[in-house]
Amino acid sequence: MRQVGVLAAAGLIALEQGPKRLHEDHANARLLAEILANIDSVAIDVDAVETNIVIFKLTGGVSAADVVARLKARGILASAFTRDAIRLVTHLDVDRAACVTAAEALAEEIAALS
């Protein structure tokens, strides 16, 4: 039963500390969306990004699954939302610099697959 206390402690930290910094996650997601909007073959509605979730479409015929696999090899986790859409999520372990790095990597991988 001691393991339950460890899990409960993690939950308490998330509930107590998470809301205090949630605005940072939202700002980082917005920054990421703004950078992605300037990449060829990416379609994104920047104004729709209001939380820490960023969803965008690939317009150049590149497969989302292929891009996601290449990003994973670079240590960037993303989800193929549909055949041509990718989902990124910012959180406690993703700072502004990581968002810029992820956007640069995305641009490189999309260009490599085009």
PDB file of N, CA and C in Angstrom:
ATOM      1  N   MET A   1       0.806  -1.202   0.000  1.00  0.00           N
ATOM      2  CA  MET A   1       0.000   0.000   0.000  1.00  0.00           C
ATOM      3  C   MET A   1       0.851   1.269   0.000  1.00  0.00           C
ATOM      4  N   ARG A   2       2.137   1.156   0.289  1.00  0.00           N
ATOM      5  CA  ARG A   2       2.972   2.356   0.314  1.00  0.00           C
ATOM      6  C   ARG A   2       3.055   3.013  -1.059  1.00  0.00           C
ATOM      7  N   GLN A   3       2.977   2.235  -2.120  1.00  0.00           N
ATOM      8  CA  GLN A   3       3.058   2.786  -3.470  1.00  0.00           C
ATOM      9  C   GLN A   3       1.914   3.763  -3.745  1.00  0.00           C
ATOM     10  N   VAL A   4       0.787   3.529  -3.113  1.00  0.00           N
ATOM     11  CA  VAL A   4      -0.355   4.418  -3.292  1.00  0.00           C
ATOM     12  C   VAL A   4      -0.003   5.829  -2.817  1.00  0.00           C
ATOM     13  N   GLY A   5       0.746   5.929  -1.738  1.00  0.00           N
ATOM     14  CA  GLY A   5       1.165   7.230  -1.232  1.00  0.00           C
ATOM     15  C   GLY A   5       2.064   7.963  -2.205  1.00  0.00           C
ATOM     16  N   VAL A   6       2.930   7.241  -2.885  1.00  0.00           N
ATOM     17  CA  VAL A   6       3.815   7.846  -3.885  1.00  0.00           C
ATOM     18  C   VAL A   6       2.978   8.404  -5.029  1.00  0.00           C
ATOM     19  N   LEU A   7       2.017   7.626  -5.496  1.00  0.00           N
ATOM     20  CA  LEU A   7       1.143   8.093  -6.575  1.00  0.00           C
ATOM     21  C   LEU A   7       0.285   9.269  -6.124  1.00  0.00           C
ATOM     22  N   ALA A   8      -0.205   9.206  -4.909  1.00  0.00           N
ATOM     23  CA  ALA A   8      -1.019  10.304  -4.387  1.00  0.00           C
ATOM     24  C   ALA A   8      -0.197  11.585  -4.277  1.00  0.00           C
ATOM     25  N   ALA A   9       1.054  11.472  -3.888  1.00  0.00           N
ATOM     26  CA  ALA A   9       1.927  12.649  -3.777  1.00  0.00           C
ATOM     27  C   ALA A   9       2.100  13.311  -5.132  1.00  0.00           C
ATOM     28  N   ALA A  10       2.285  12.508  -6.180  1.00  0.00           N
ATOM     29  CA  ALA A  10       2.419  13.067  -7.527  1.00  0.00           C
ATOM     30  C   ALA A  10       1.144  13.794  -7.938  1.00  0.00           C
ATOM     31  N   GLY A  11       0.013  13.214  -7.612  1.00  0.00           N
ATOM     32  CA  GLY A  11      -1.267  13.852  -7.923  1.00  0.00           C
ATOM     33  C   GLY A  11      -1.447  15.159  -7.181  1.00  0.00           C
ATOM     34  N   LEU A  12      -1.062  15.185  -5.926  1.00  0.00           N
ATOM     35  CA  LEU A  12      -1.175  16.421  -5.135  1.00  0.00           C
ATOM     36  C   LEU A  12      -0.290  17.529  -5.699  1.00  0.00           C
ATOM     37  N   ILE A  13       0.919  17.177  -6.085  1.00  0.00           N
ATOM     38  CA  ILE A  13       1.819  18.173  -6.676  1.00  0.00           C
ATOM     39  C   ILE A  13       1.211  18.726  -7.958  1.00  0.00           C
ATOM     40  N   ALA A  14       0.679  17.840  -8.791  1.00  0.00           N
ATOM     41  CA  ALA A  14       0.065  18.283 -10.043  1.00  0.00           C
ATOM     42  C   ALA A  14      -1.112  19.217  -9.786  1.00  0.00           C
ATOM     43  N   LEU A  15      -1.934  18.882  -8.810  1.00  0.00           N
ATOM     44  CA  LEU A  15      -3.102  19.711  -8.508  1.00  0.00           C
ATOM     45  C   LEU A  15      -2.727  21.045  -7.873  1.00  0.00           C
ATOM     46  N   GLU A  16      -1.682  21.035  -7.068  1.00  0.00           N
ATOM     47  CA  GLU A  16      -1.294  22.266  -6.372  1.00  0.00           C
ATOM     48  C   GLU A  16      -0.401  23.171  -7.217  1.00  0.00           C
ATOM     49  N   GLN A  17       0.514  22.586  -7.974  1.00  0.00           N
ATOM     50  CA  GLN A  17       1.482  23.382  -8.731  1.00  0.00           C
ATOM     51  C   GLN A  17       1.084  23.598 -10.196  1.00  0.00           C
ATOM     52  N   GLY A  18       0.381  22.637 -10.771  1.00  0.00           N
ATOM     53  CA  GLY A  18       0.029  22.709 -12.188  1.00  0.00           C
ATOM     54  C   GLY A  18      -0.711  23.962 -12.604  1.00  0.00           C
ATOM     55  N   PRO A  19      -1.802  24.309 -11.937  1.00  0.00           N
ATOM     56  CA  PRO A  19      -2.560  25.489 -12.353  1.00  0.00           C
ATOM     57  C   PRO A  19      -1.770  26.800 -12.273  1.00  0.00           C
ATOM     58  N   LYS A  20      -0.789  26.860 -11.400  1.00  0.00           N
ATOM     59  CA  LYS A  20       0.010  28.078 -11.251  1.00  0.00           C
ATOM     60  C   LYS A  20       0.867  28.356 -12.473  1.00  0.00           C
ATOM     61  N   ARG A  21       1.218  27.311 -13.216  1.00  0.00           N
ATOM     62  CA  ARG A  21       2.098  27.511 -14.356  1.00  0.00           C
ATOM     63  C   ARG A  21       1.452  27.131 -15.689  1.00  0.00           C
ATOM     64  N   LEU A  22       0.172  26.845 -15.675  1.00  0.00           N
ATOM     65  CA  LEU A  22      -0.528  26.445 -16.889  1.00  0.00           C
ATOM     66  C   LEU A  22      -0.454  27.514 -17.973  1.00  0.00           C
ATOM     67  N   HIS A  23      -0.453  28.785 -17.563  1.00  0.00           N
ATOM     68  CA  HIS A  23      -0.356  29.872 -18.535  1.00  0.00           C
ATOM     69  C   HIS A  23       0.948  29.785 -19.340  1.00  0.00           C
ATOM     70  N   GLU A  24       2.006  29.239 -18.735  1.00  0.00           N
ATOM     71  CA  GLU A  24       3.269  29.069 -19.449  1.00  0.00           C
ATOM     72  C   GLU A  24       3.119  28.045 -20.574  1.00  0.00           C
ATOM     73  N   ASP A  25       2.426  26.952 -20.286  1.00  0.00           N
ATOM     74  CA  ASP A  25       2.192  25.933 -21.314  1.00  0.00           C
ATOM     75  C   ASP A  25       1.385  26.502 -22.476  1.00  0.00           C
ATOM     76  N   HIS A  26       0.392  27.306 -22.154  1.00  0.00           N
ATOM     77  CA  HIS A  26      -0.441  27.916 -23.191  1.00  0.00           C
ATOM     78  C   HIS A  26       0.373  28.893 -24.027  1.00  0.00           C
ATOM     79  N   ALA A  27       1.220  29.686 -23.385  1.00  0.00           N
ATOM     80  CA  ALA A  27       2.072  30.636 -24.112  1.00  0.00           C
ATOM     81  C   ALA A  27       3.067  29.902 -24.999  1.00  0.00           C
ATOM     82  N   ASN A  28       3.625  28.815 -24.498  1.00  0.00           N
ATOM     83  CA  ASN A  28       4.568  28.029 -25.300  1.00  0.00           C
ATOM     84  C   ASN A  28       3.885  27.404 -26.508  1.00  0.00           C
ATOM     85  N   ALA A  29       2.663  26.933 -26.330  1.00  0.00           N
ATOM     86  CA  ALA A  29       1.914  26.359 -27.449  1.00  0.00           C
ATOM     87  C   ALA A  29       1.628  27.432 -28.493  1.00  0.00           C
ATOM     88  N   ARG A  30       1.285  28.616 -28.035  1.00  0.00           N
ATOM     89  CA  ARG A  30       1.011  29.722 -28.964  1.00  0.00           C
ATOM     90  C   ARG A  30       2.278  30.088 -29.747  1.00  0.00           C
ATOM     91  N   LEU A  31       3.416  30.153 -29.054  1.00  0.00           N
ATOM     92  CA  LEU A  31       4.692  30.425 -29.722  1.00  0.00           C
ATOM     93  C   LEU A  31       4.976  29.363 -30.770  1.00  0.00           C
ATOM     94  N   LEU A  32       4.799  28.113 -30.412  1.00  0.00           N
ATOM     95  CA  LEU A  32       5.020  27.013 -31.343  1.00  0.00           C
ATOM     96  C   LEU A  32       4.121  27.155 -32.563  1.00  0.00           C
ATOM     97  N   ALA A  33       2.859  27.471 -32.349  1.00  0.00           N
ATOM     98  CA  ALA A  33       1.915  27.645 -33.461  1.00  0.00           C
ATOM     99  C   ALA A  33       2.332  28.803 -34.364  1.00  0.00           C
ATOM    100  N   GLU A  34       2.776  29.890 -33.772  1.00  0.00           N
ATOM    101  CA  GLU A  34       3.200  31.050 -34.564  1.00  0.00           C
ATOM    102  C   GLU A  34       4.411  30.724 -35.431  1.00  0.00           C
ATOM    103  N   ILE A  35       5.342  29.954 -34.900  1.00  0.00           N
ATOM    104  CA  ILE A  35       6.512  29.552 -35.685  1.00  0.00           C
ATOM    105  C   ILE A  35       6.091  28.597 -36.794  1.00  0.00           C
ATOM    106  N   LEU A  36       5.237  27.627 -36.463  1.00  0.00           N
ATOM    107  CA  LEU A  36       4.777  26.657 -37.466  1.00  0.00           C
ATOM    108  C   LEU A  36       4.041  27.336 -38.612  1.00  0.00           C
ATOM    109  N   ALA A  37       3.345  28.422 -38.318  1.00  0.00           N
ATOM    110  CA  ALA A  37       2.579  29.130 -39.348  1.00  0.00           C
ATOM    111  C   ALA A  37       3.485  29.675 -40.455  1.00  0.00           C
ATOM    112  N   ASN A  38       4.768  29.819 -40.176  1.00  0.00           N
ATOM    113  CA  ASN A  38       5.713  30.349 -41.164  1.00  0.00           C
ATOM    114  C   ASN A  38       6.441  29.270 -41.947  1.00  0.00           C
ATOM    115  N   ILE A  39       6.091  28.009 -41.722  1.00  0.00           N
ATOM    116  CA  ILE A  39       6.742  26.900 -42.418  1.00  0.00           C
ATOM    117  C   ILE A  39       5.922  26.530 -43.651  1.00  0.00           C
ATOM    118  N   ASP A  40       6.620  26.429 -44.784  1.00  0.00           N
ATOM    119  CA  ASP A  40       5.949  25.965 -45.996  1.00  0.00           C
ATOM    120  C   ASP A  40       5.413  24.562 -45.756  1.00  0.00           C
ATOM    121  N   SER A  41       4.308  24.246 -46.353  1.00  0.00           N
ATOM    122  CA  SER A  41       3.650  22.941 -46.251  1.00  0.00           C
ATOM    123  C   SER A  41       2.994  22.703 -44.900  1.00  0.00           C
ATOM    124  N   VAL A  42       2.796  23.756 -44.104  1.00  0.00           N
ATOM    125  CA  VAL A  42       2.081  23.650 -42.831  1.00  0.00           C
ATOM    126  C   VAL A  42       0.903  24.605 -42.857  1.00  0.00           C
ATOM    127  N   ALA A  43      -0.268  24.093 -42.523  1.00  0.00           N
ATOM    128  CA  ALA A  43      -1.468  24.924 -42.391  1.00  0.00           C
ATOM    129  C   ALA A  43      -1.926  24.851 -40.943  1.00  0.00           C
ATOM    130  N   ILE A  44      -2.030  26.021 -40.317  1.00  0.00           N
ATOM    131  CA  ILE A  44      -2.443  26.069 -38.920  1.00  0.00           C
ATOM    132  C   ILE A  44      -3.235  27.337 -38.672  1.00  0.00           C
ATOM    133  N   ASP A  45      -4.280  27.215 -37.864  1.00  0.00           N
ATOM    134  CA  ASP A  45      -5.059  28.364 -37.428  1.00  0.00           C
ATOM    135  C   ASP A  45      -4.502  28.783 -36.071  1.00  0.00           C
ATOM    136  N   VAL A  46      -3.622  29.766 -36.086  1.00  0.00           N
ATOM    137  CA  VAL A  46      -2.945  30.196 -34.865  1.00  0.00           C
ATOM    138  C   VAL A  46      -3.951  30.674 -33.822  1.00  0.00           C
ATOM    139  N   ASP A  47      -5.000  31.334 -34.254  1.00  0.00           N
ATOM    140  CA  ASP A  47      -5.993  31.845 -33.305  1.00  0.00           C
ATOM    141  C   ASP A  47      -6.758  30.731 -32.593  1.00  0.00           C
ATOM    142  N   ALA A  48      -6.755  29.541 -33.161  1.00  0.00           N
ATOM    143  CA  ALA A  48      -7.456  28.417 -32.535  1.00  0.00           C
ATOM    144  C   ALA A  48      -6.640  27.782 -31.403  1.00  0.00           C
ATOM    145  N   VAL A  49      -5.377  28.147 -31.303  1.00  0.00           N
ATOM    146  CA  VAL A  49      -4.516  27.586 -30.262  1.00  0.00           C
ATOM    147  C   VAL A  49      -4.705  28.400 -28.993  1.00  0.00           C
ATOM    148  N   GLU A  50      -5.535  27.876 -28.104  1.00  0.00           N
ATOM    149  CA  GLU A  50      -5.859  28.578 -26.858  1.00  0.00           C
ATOM    150  C   GLU A  50      -5.398  27.808 -25.631  1.00  0.00           C
ATOM    151  N   THR A  51      -4.994  26.560 -25.815  1.00  0.00           N
ATOM    152  CA  THR A  51      -4.540  25.730 -24.693  1.00  0.00           C
ATOM    153  C   THR A  51      -3.122  25.263 -24.995  1.00  0.00           C
ATOM    154  N   ASN A  52      -2.718  24.184 -24.384  1.00  0.00           N
ATOM    155  CA  ASN A  52      -1.369  23.666 -24.605  1.00  0.00           C
ATOM    156  C   ASN A  52      -1.319  22.625 -25.727  1.00  0.00           C
ATOM    157  N   ILE A  53      -2.371  22.548 -26.516  1.00  0.00           N
ATOM    158  CA  ILE A  53      -2.434  21.584 -27.616  1.00  0.00           C
ATOM    159  C   ILE A  53      -2.342  22.322 -28.944  1.00  0.00           C
ATOM    160  N   VAL A  54      -1.439  21.850 -29.811  1.00  0.00           N
ATOM    161  CA  VAL A  54      -1.250  22.438 -31.132  1.00  0.00           C
ATOM    162  C   VAL A  54      -1.518  21.346 -32.166  1.00  0.00           C
ATOM    163  N   ILE A  55      -2.477  21.591 -33.038  1.00  0.00           N
ATOM    164  CA  ILE A  55      -2.782  20.660 -34.125  1.00  0.00           C
ATOM    165  C   ILE A  55      -2.629  21.415 -35.428  1.00  0.00           C
ATOM    166  N   PHE A  56      -1.893  20.821 -36.365  1.00  0.00           N
ATOM    167  CA  PHE A  56      -1.693  21.463 -37.661  1.00  0.00           C
ATOM    168  C   PHE A  56      -1.724  20.416 -38.763  1.00  0.00           C
ATOM    169  N   LYS A  57      -1.948  20.892 -39.986  1.00  0.00           N
ATOM    170  CA  LYS A  57      -2.014  19.993 -41.139  1.00  0.00           C
ATOM    171  C   LYS A  57      -0.790  20.181 -42.019  1.00  0.00           C
ATOM    172  N   LEU A  58      -0.392  19.096 -42.640  1.00  0.00           N
ATOM    173  CA  LEU A  58       0.670  19.115 -43.639  1.00  0.00           C
ATOM    174  C   LEU A  58       0.009  19.251 -45.004  1.00  0.00           C
ATOM    175  N   THR A  59       0.417  20.231 -45.770  1.00  0.00           N
ATOM    176  CA  THR A  59      -0.241  20.490 -47.051  1.00  0.00           C
ATOM    177  C   THR A  59       0.558  20.037 -48.263  1.00  0.00           C
ATOM    178  N   GLY A  60       1.767  19.549 -48.060  1.00  0.00           N
ATOM    179  CA  GLY A  60       2.623  19.195 -49.192  1.00  0.00           C
ATOM    180  C   GLY A  60       2.593  17.742 -49.582  1.00  0.00           C
ATOM    181  N   GLY A  61       1.623  16.986 -49.100  1.00  0.00           N
ATOM    182  CA  GLY A  61       1.532  15.573 -49.446  1.00  0.00           C
ATOM    183  C   GLY A  61       2.418  14.674 -48.600  1.00  0.00           C
ATOM    184  N   VAL A  62       3.067  15.242 -47.601  1.00  0.00           N
ATOM    185  CA  VAL A  62       3.916  14.463 -46.707  1.00  0.00           C
ATOM    186  C   VAL A  62       3.029  13.769 -45.670  1.00  0.00           C
ATOM    187  N   SER A  63       3.366  12.537 -45.339  1.00  0.00           N
ATOM    188  CA  SER A  63       2.600  11.764 -44.363  1.00  0.00           C
ATOM    189  C   SER A  63       2.927  12.219 -42.941  1.00  0.00           C
ATOM    190  N   ALA A  64       1.886  12.430 -42.140  1.00  0.00           N
ATOM    191  CA  ALA A  64       2.077  12.811 -40.744  1.00  0.00           C
ATOM    192  C   ALA A  64       2.830  11.714 -39.994  1.00  0.00           C
ATOM    193  N   ALA A  65       2.529  10.464 -40.279  1.00  0.00           N
ATOM    194  CA  ALA A  65       3.203   9.352 -39.601  1.00  0.00           C
ATOM    195  C   ALA A  65       4.703   9.354 -39.889  1.00  0.00           C
ATOM    196  N   ASP A  66       5.077   9.687 -41.119  1.00  0.00           N
ATOM    197  CA  ASP A  66       6.499   9.746 -41.470  1.00  0.00           C
ATOM    198  C   ASP A  66       7.206  10.870 -40.716  1.00  0.00           C
ATOM    199  N   VAL A  67       6.569  12.030 -40.641  1.00  0.00           N
ATOM    200  CA  VAL A  67       7.160  13.168 -39.930  1.00  0.00           C
ATOM    201  C   VAL A  67       7.285  12.844 -38.443  1.00  0.00           C
ATOM    202  N   VAL A  68       6.238  12.268 -37.868  1.00  0.00           N
ATOM    203  CA  VAL A  68       6.245  11.920 -36.444  1.00  0.00           C
ATOM    204  C   VAL A  68       7.359  10.912 -36.147  1.00  0.00           C
ATOM    205  N   ALA A  69       7.557   9.937 -37.006  1.00  0.00           N
ATOM    206  CA  ALA A  69       8.616   8.947 -36.804  1.00  0.00           C
ATOM    207  C   ALA A  69       9.993   9.603 -36.841  1.00  0.00           C
ATOM    208  N   ARG A  70      10.179  10.531 -37.765  1.00  0.00           N
ATOM    209  CA  ARG A  70      11.469  11.219 -37.868  1.00  0.00           C
ATOM    210  C   ARG A  70      11.697  12.131 -36.668  1.00  0.00           C
ATOM    211  N   LEU A  71      10.636  12.757 -36.184  1.00  0.00           N
ATOM    212  CA  LEU A  71      10.764  13.599 -34.989  1.00  0.00           C
ATOM    213  C   LEU A  71      11.131  12.751 -33.779  1.00  0.00           C
ATOM    214  N   LYS A  72      10.509  11.583 -33.659  1.00  0.00           N
ATOM    215  CA  LYS A  72      10.790  10.700 -32.523  1.00  0.00           C
ATOM    216  C   LYS A  72      12.263  10.310 -32.497  1.00  0.00           C
ATOM    217  N   ALA A  73      12.832  10.075 -33.675  1.00  0.00           N
ATOM    218  CA  ALA A  73      14.250   9.736 -33.761  1.00  0.00           C
ATOM    219  C   ALA A  73      15.130  10.886 -33.273  1.00  0.00           C
ATOM    220  N   ARG A  74      14.576  12.090 -33.277  1.00  0.00           N
ATOM    221  CA  ARG A  74      15.313  13.269 -32.811  1.00  0.00           C
ATOM    222  C   ARG A  74      14.943  13.630 -31.368  1.00  0.00           C
ATOM    223  N   GLY A  75      14.152  12.786 -30.731  1.00  0.00           N
ATOM    224  CA  GLY A  75      13.781  13.017 -29.344  1.00  0.00           C
ATOM    225  C   GLY A  75      12.603  13.946 -29.148  1.00  0.00           C
ATOM    226  N   ILE A  76      11.837  14.175 -30.203  1.00  0.00           N
ATOM    227  CA  ILE A  76      10.661  15.045 -30.139  1.00  0.00           C
ATOM    228  C   ILE A  76       9.421  14.179 -30.318  1.00  0.00           C
ATOM    229  N   LEU A  77       8.559  14.175 -29.306  1.00  0.00           N
ATOM    230  CA  LEU A  77       7.367  13.339 -29.368  1.00  0.00           C
ATOM    231  C   LEU A  77       6.184  14.130 -29.906  1.00  0.00           C
ATOM    232  N   ALA A  78       5.495  13.548 -30.863  1.00  0.00           N
ATOM    233  CA  ALA A  78       4.311  14.129 -31.477  1.00  0.00           C
ATOM    234  C   ALA A  78       3.379  12.976 -31.823  1.00  0.00           C
ATOM    235  N   SER A  79       2.157  13.309 -32.196  1.00  0.00           N
ATOM    236  CA  SER A  79       1.187  12.281 -32.577  1.00  0.00           C
ATOM    237  C   SER A  79       0.657  12.577 -33.972  1.00  0.00           C
ATOM    238  N   ALA A  80       0.564  11.523 -34.774  1.00  0.00           N
ATOM    239  CA  ALA A  80      -0.104  11.654 -36.068  1.00  0.00           C
ATOM    240  C   ALA A  80      -1.599  11.634 -35.766  1.00  0.00           C
ATOM    241  N   PHE A  81      -2.224  12.777 -35.884  1.00  0.00           N
ATOM    242  CA  PHE A  81      -3.633  12.945 -35.533  1.00  0.00           C
ATOM    243  C   PHE A  81      -4.524  12.348 -36.617  1.00  0.00           C
ATOM    244  N   THR A  82      -4.184  12.621 -37.859  1.00  0.00           N
ATOM    245  CA  THR A  82      -4.802  11.995 -39.037  1.00  0.00           C
ATOM    246  C   THR A  82      -3.670  11.743 -40.022  1.00  0.00           C
ATOM    247  N   ARG A  83      -3.984  11.337 -41.239  1.00  0.00           N
ATOM    248  CA  ARG A  83      -2.944  11.082 -42.233  1.00  0.00           C
ATOM    249  C   ARG A  83      -2.102  12.314 -42.502  1.00  0.00           C
ATOM    250  N   ASP A  84      -2.722  13.499 -42.417  1.00  0.00           N
ATOM    251  CA  ASP A  84      -1.979  14.718 -42.738  1.00  0.00           C
ATOM    252  C   ASP A  84      -1.965  15.741 -41.595  1.00  0.00           C
ATOM    253  N   ALA A  85      -2.347  15.333 -40.399  1.00  0.00           N
ATOM    254  CA  ALA A  85      -2.361  16.256 -39.263  1.00  0.00           C
ATOM    255  C   ALA A  85      -1.498  15.720 -38.118  1.00  0.00           C
ATOM    256  N   ILE A  86      -0.842  16.648 -37.449  1.00  0.00           N
ATOM    257  CA  ILE A  86       0.040  16.312 -36.334  1.00  0.00           C
ATOM    258  C   ILE A  86      -0.408  17.081 -35.101  1.00  0.00           C
ATOM    259  N   ARG A  87      -0.285  16.433 -33.949  1.00  0.00           N
ATOM    260  CA  ARG A  87      -0.662  17.033 -32.668  1.00  0.00           C
ATOM    261  C   ARG A  87       0.574  17.119 -31.787  1.00  0.00           C
ATOM    262  N   LEU A  88       0.816  18.311 -31.257  1.00  0.00           N
ATOM    263  CA  LEU A  88       1.896  18.548 -30.300  1.00  0.00           C
ATOM    264  C   LEU A  88       1.284  19.084 -29.020  1.00  0.00           C
ATOM    265  N   VAL A  89       1.888  18.751 -27.882  1.00  0.00           N
ATOM    266  CA  VAL A  89       1.376  19.218 -26.598  1.00  0.00           C
ATOM    267  C   VAL A  89       2.538  19.772 -25.780  1.00  0.00           C
ATOM    268  N   THR A  90       2.356  20.968 -25.235  1.00  0.00           N
ATOM    269  CA  THR A  90       3.356  21.532 -24.336  1.00  0.00           C
ATOM    270  C   THR A  90       2.971  21.181 -22.903  1.00  0.00           C
ATOM    271  N   HIS A  91       3.990  21.072 -22.045  1.00  0.00           N
ATOM    272  CA  HIS A  91       3.752  20.713 -20.641  1.00  0.00           C
ATOM    273  C   HIS A  91       4.945  21.152 -19.815  1.00  0.00           C
ATOM    274  N   LEU A  92       4.974  20.748 -18.575  1.00  0.00           N
ATOM    275  CA  LEU A  92       5.998  21.150 -17.621  1.00  0.00           C
ATOM    276  C   LEU A  92       7.424  20.960 -18.148  1.00  0.00           C
ATOM    277  N   ASP A  93       7.658  19.907 -18.886  1.00  0.00           N
ATOM    278  CA  ASP A  93       9.008  19.600 -19.368  1.00  0.00           C
ATOM    279  C   ASP A  93       9.341  20.219 -20.723  1.00  0.00           C
ATOM    280  N   VAL A  94       8.481  21.107 -21.222  1.00  0.00           N
ATOM    281  CA  VAL A  94       8.707  21.750 -22.518  1.00  0.00           C
ATOM    282  C   VAL A  94       8.785  23.251 -22.292  1.00  0.00           C
ATOM    283  N   ASP A  95       9.984  23.815 -22.472  1.00  0.00           N
ATOM    284  CA  ASP A  95      10.136  25.263 -22.307  1.00  0.00           C
ATOM    285  C   ASP A  95      10.133  25.950 -23.671  1.00  0.00           C
ATOM    286  N   ARG A  96      10.308  27.265 -23.674  1.00  0.00           N
ATOM    287  CA  ARG A  96      10.266  28.035 -24.925  1.00  0.00           C
ATOM    288  C   ARG A  96      11.348  27.573 -25.895  1.00  0.00           C
ATOM    289  N   ALA A  97      12.539  27.320 -25.389  1.00  0.00           N
ATOM    290  CA  ALA A  97      13.634  26.882 -26.258  1.00  0.00           C
ATOM    291  C   ALA A  97      13.302  25.545 -26.918  1.00  0.00           C
ATOM    292  N   ALA A  98      12.671  24.659 -26.182  1.00  0.00           N
ATOM    293  CA  ALA A  98      12.280  23.365 -26.749  1.00  0.00           C
ATOM    294  C   ALA A  98      11.237  23.542 -27.849  1.00  0.00           C
ATOM    295  N   CYS A  99      10.355  24.524 -27.693  1.00  0.00           N
ATOM    296  CA  CYS A  99       9.352  24.793 -28.732  1.00  0.00           C
ATOM    297  C   CYS A  99      10.028  25.271 -30.014  1.00  0.00           C
ATOM    298  N   VAL A 100      10.994  26.138 -29.880  1.00  0.00           N
ATOM    299  CA  VAL A 100      11.735  26.631 -31.050  1.00  0.00           C
ATOM    300  C   VAL A 100      12.499  25.481 -31.700  1.00  0.00           C
ATOM    301  N   THR A 101      13.146  24.669 -30.898  1.00  0.00           N
ATOM    302  CA  THR A 101      13.888  23.514 -31.409  1.00  0.00           C
ATOM    303  C   THR A 101      12.955  22.551 -32.145  1.00  0.00           C
ATOM    304  N   ALA A 102      11.792  22.285 -31.567  1.00  0.00           N
ATOM    305  CA  ALA A 102      10.821  21.381 -32.197  1.00  0.00           C
ATOM    306  C   ALA A 102      10.343  21.939 -33.529  1.00  0.00           C
ATOM    307  N   ALA A 103      10.069  23.231 -33.583  1.00  0.00           N
ATOM    308  CA  ALA A 103       9.606  23.843 -34.833  1.00  0.00           C
ATOM    309  C   ALA A 103      10.694  23.774 -35.900  1.00  0.00           C
ATOM    310  N   GLU A 104      11.933  24.026 -35.513  1.00  0.00           N
ATOM    311  CA  GLU A 104      13.040  23.938 -36.470  1.00  0.00           C
ATOM    312  C   GLU A 104      13.196  22.511 -36.984  1.00  0.00           C
ATOM    313  N   ALA A 105      13.093  21.549 -36.087  1.00  0.00           N
ATOM    314  CA  ALA A 105      13.195  20.144 -36.485  1.00  0.00           C
ATOM    315  C   ALA A 105      12.057  19.761 -37.428  1.00  0.00           C
ATOM    316  N   LEU A 106      10.857  20.231 -37.123  1.00  0.00           N
ATOM    317  CA  LEU A 106       9.708  19.970 -37.997  1.00  0.00           C
ATOM    318  C   LEU A 106       9.964  20.507 -39.400  1.00  0.00           C
ATOM    319  N   ALA A 107      10.439  21.736 -39.485  1.00  0.00           N
ATOM    320  CA  ALA A 107      10.713  22.338 -40.790  1.00  0.00           C
ATOM    321  C   ALA A 107      11.748  21.505 -41.558  1.00  0.00           C
ATOM    322  N   GLU A 108      12.785  21.067 -40.877  1.00  0.00           N
ATOM    323  CA  GLU A 108      13.824  20.264 -41.513  1.00  0.00           C
ATOM    324  C   GLU A 108      13.280  18.921 -42.005  1.00  0.00           C
ATOM    325  N   GLU A 109      12.493  18.273 -41.178  1.00  0.00           N
ATOM    326  CA  GLU A 109      11.971  16.951 -41.534  1.00  0.00           C
ATOM    327  C   GLU A 109      10.934  17.036 -42.656  1.00  0.00           C
ATOM    328  N   ILE A 110      10.103  18.054 -42.616  1.00  0.00           N
ATOM    329  CA  ILE A 110       9.134  18.229 -43.695  1.00  0.00           C
ATOM    330  C   ILE A 110       9.865  18.487 -45.013  1.00  0.00           C
ATOM    331  N   ALA A 111      10.881  19.333 -44.971  1.00  0.00           N
ATOM    332  CA  ALA A 111      11.658  19.630 -46.172  1.00  0.00           C
ATOM    333  C   ALA A 111      12.368  18.380 -46.692  1.00  0.00           C
ATOM    334  N   ALA A 112      12.884  17.562 -45.790  1.00  0.00           N
ATOM    335  CA  ALA A 112      13.585  16.344 -46.185  1.00  0.00           C
ATOM    336  C   ALA A 112      12.645  15.341 -46.852  1.00  0.00           C
ATOM    337  N   LEU A 113      11.388  15.329 -46.430  1.00  0.00           N
ATOM    338  CA  LEU A 113      10.418  14.374 -46.987  1.00  0.00           C
ATOM    339  C   LEU A 113       9.710  14.899 -48.238  1.00  0.00           C
ATOM    340  N   SER A 114       9.847  16.167 -48.489  1.00  0.00           N
ATOM    341  CA  SER A 114       9.146  16.774 -49.650  1.00  0.00           C
ATOM    342  C   SER A 114       9.853  16.500 -50.954  1.00  0.00           C
TER     343      SER A 114
END
